[in-house]
Amino acid sequence: MKKILILCTGNSCRSQIAEGYLRYFAKDKAEIFSAGLETHGVNPRAIKTMQNDEIDISQHTSNHVDEYADINFDYVITVCDNAKERCPVFPTTAKTFHHNFPDPAKAEGSEVEITQEFELVRDMIKEYAIGFIGENIR
């Protein structure tokens, strides 16, 4: 079974959303982990946004990348430029991927506008996850 790590700055939004979708689309063909260079807790808006697409990430935890130092990952995906630049080097042969998604936690405006930003980023990550699983997990 393939092991996939998704990295972000705080492991609160983008990496949590990506973990939810990668788990959903990979089914039992991959083990999915997410972590941050810091831990900010899972963002309640990320949980709600995913629930609106019938994916439950409410039991996810915000984990620090150091917790996974001993796992031999097949793939490491960074979902923000900060994580890519600061990503630790794993003693592994993992293939690395990068896609910089906007940070919905930084959205400003009315509640409707912030919700729309979360949905936009969620949908971008969903499309990425579908493509990633289709190309890399058989």
Protein backbone atom coordinates (compact mmCIF):
# COMPACT_ATOMS: atom_id res chain seq x y z
CA MET A 1 0.00 0.00 0.00
CA LYS A 2 1.30 3.45 -0.96
CA LYS A 3 1.93 6.02 1.75
CA ILE A 4 1.20 9.67 1.03
CA LEU A 5 2.08 12.70 3.16
CA ILE A 6 0.47 16.08 2.53
CA LEU A 7 2.38 19.03 4.00
CA CYS A 8 1.23 22.56 4.69
CA THR A 9 2.27 25.33 7.05
CA GLY A 10 -0.20 24.77 9.90
CA ASN A 11 -2.02 21.53 9.00
CA SER A 12 -5.35 23.27 9.52
CA CYS A 13 -7.02 23.82 6.14
CA ARG A 14 -5.45 22.90 2.80
CA SER A 15 -3.62 19.78 3.94
CA GLN A 16 -6.67 18.62 5.92
CA ILE A 17 -8.93 19.07 2.89
CA ALA A 18 -6.40 17.26 0.71
CA GLU A 19 -6.16 14.41 3.23
CA GLY A 20 -9.93 14.05 3.20
CA TYR A 21 -10.18 13.89 -0.58
CA LEU A 22 -7.13 11.69 -1.09
CA ARG A 23 -8.51 9.21 1.45
CA TYR A 24 -11.88 9.27 -0.26
CA PHE A 25 -10.58 8.78 -3.80
CA ALA A 26 -7.77 6.33 -2.95
CA LYS A 27 -10.15 4.14 -0.93
CA ASP A 28 -8.03 1.27 0.47
CA LYS A 29 -5.16 1.65 -2.03
CA ALA A 30 -3.17 4.22 -0.05
CA GLU A 31 -2.47 5.35 3.48
CA ILE A 32 -2.86 9.11 3.74
CA PHE A 33 -1.26 11.40 6.33
CA SER A 34 -1.17 15.16 6.66
CA ALA A 35 1.11 17.36 8.70
CA GLY A 36 2.31 20.89 9.13
CA LEU A 37 5.52 22.68 9.84
CA GLU A 38 3.47 23.95 12.79
CA THR A 39 0.16 22.75 14.25
CA HIS A 40 -2.77 25.16 14.23
CA GLY A 41 -5.64 22.74 14.85
CA VAL A 42 -8.18 21.74 12.22
CA ASN A 43 -10.02 24.83 11.01
CA PRO A 44 -13.78 24.62 11.75
CA ARG A 45 -14.57 26.20 8.39
CA ALA A 46 -12.55 23.49 6.62
CA ILE A 47 -14.59 20.86 8.48
CA LYS A 48 -17.88 22.56 7.50
CA THR A 49 -16.81 23.06 3.89
CA MET A 50 -15.94 19.38 3.58
CA GLN A 51 -19.19 18.32 5.27
CA ASN A 52 -20.99 20.27 2.55
CA ASP A 53 -19.37 17.85 0.08
CA GLU A 54 -20.19 14.85 2.29
CA ILE A 55 -16.60 14.26 3.44
CA ASP A 56 -16.11 14.10 7.21
CA ILE A 57 -12.78 15.44 8.46
CA SER A 58 -14.09 16.32 11.92
CA GLN A 59 -11.98 13.60 13.55
CA HIS A 60 -8.73 14.68 11.87
CA THR A 61 -5.97 16.01 14.07
CA SER A 62 -3.38 18.68 13.36
CA ASN A 63 -0.01 16.94 13.33
CA HIS A 64 3.58 18.15 13.20
CA VAL A 65 5.74 16.83 10.37
CA ASP A 66 8.30 15.49 12.88
CA GLU A 67 5.73 12.90 14.00
CA TYR A 68 6.18 11.13 10.66
CA ALA A 69 9.97 11.21 10.36
CA ASP A 70 10.24 7.41 10.58
CA ILE A 71 7.67 6.60 7.90
CA ASN A 72 8.94 5.70 4.45
CA PHE A 73 6.56 7.69 2.25
CA ASP A 74 6.04 6.95 -1.42
CA TYR A 75 4.75 10.47 -2.12
CA VAL A 76 5.09 13.81 -0.36
CA ILE A 77 2.80 16.59 -1.56
CA THR A 78 3.31 20.18 -0.44
CA VAL A 79 0.18 22.30 -0.81
CA CYS A 80 1.67 25.72 -0.09
CA ASP A 81 4.86 27.49 -1.10
CA ASN A 82 5.94 28.00 2.52
CA ALA A 83 5.86 24.25 3.18
CA LYS A 84 7.74 23.55 -0.05
CA GLU A 85 10.50 25.99 0.87
CA ARG A 86 10.78 24.74 4.46
CA CYS A 87 9.98 21.06 3.85
CA PRO A 88 12.29 18.80 5.80
CA VAL A 89 14.29 16.25 3.90
CA PHE A 90 13.01 12.76 4.60
CA PRO A 91 15.41 9.82 4.41
CA THR A 92 13.21 8.26 1.77
CA THR A 93 12.84 7.81 -1.94
CA ALA A 94 9.48 9.57 -1.93
CA LYS A 95 8.44 11.32 -5.09
CA THR A 96 7.66 14.94 -4.28
CA PHE A 97 4.84 16.99 -5.73
CA HIS A 98 3.91 20.62 -5.19
CA HIS A 99 0.80 22.66 -5.81
CA ASN A 100 0.37 26.05 -4.15
CA PHE A 101 -3.28 26.45 -3.20
CA PRO A 102 -4.56 29.77 -1.83
CA ASP A 103 -4.99 29.80 1.94
CA PRO A 104 -8.73 30.09 2.65
CA ALA A 105 -8.01 30.85 6.30
CA LYS A 106 -6.72 34.24 5.15
CA ALA A 107 -9.96 35.09 3.34
CA GLU A 108 -11.52 38.39 4.33
CA GLY A 109 -14.95 39.88 3.87
CA SER A 110 -18.44 38.85 4.78
CA GLU A 111 -19.26 35.36 6.02
CA VAL A 112 -20.62 34.59 2.54
CA GLU A 113 -17.39 35.73 0.87
CA ILE A 114 -15.23 33.72 3.27
CA THR A 115 -17.42 30.64 2.73
CA GLN A 116 -17.10 31.09 -1.03
CA GLU A 117 -13.30 31.23 -0.74
CA PHE A 118 -13.25 28.01 1.30
CA GLU A 119 -15.48 26.34 -1.30
CA LEU A 120 -13.31 27.57 -4.17
CA VAL A 121 -10.12 26.22 -2.57
CA ARG A 122 -11.89 22.99 -1.59
CA ASP A 123 -12.96 22.45 -5.20
CA MET A 124 -9.42 23.16 -6.46
CA ILE A 125 -8.00 20.61 -4.04
CA LYS A 126 -10.69 18.08 -4.97
CA GLU A 127 -9.75 18.32 -8.66
CA TYR A 128 -6.07 17.95 -7.77
CA ALA A 129 -6.81 14.89 -5.60
CA ILE A 130 -8.81 13.22 -8.36
CA GLY A 131 -5.96 13.74 -10.80
CA PHE A 132 -3.27 12.69 -8.36
CA ILE A 133 -5.00 9.42 -7.46
CA GLY A 134 -5.80 8.71 -11.10
CA GLU A 135 -2.18 9.17 -12.16
CA ASN A 136 -0.33 7.67 -9.18
CA ILE A 137 -2.46 5.13 -7.32
CA ARG A 138 -3.65 2.02 -9.10
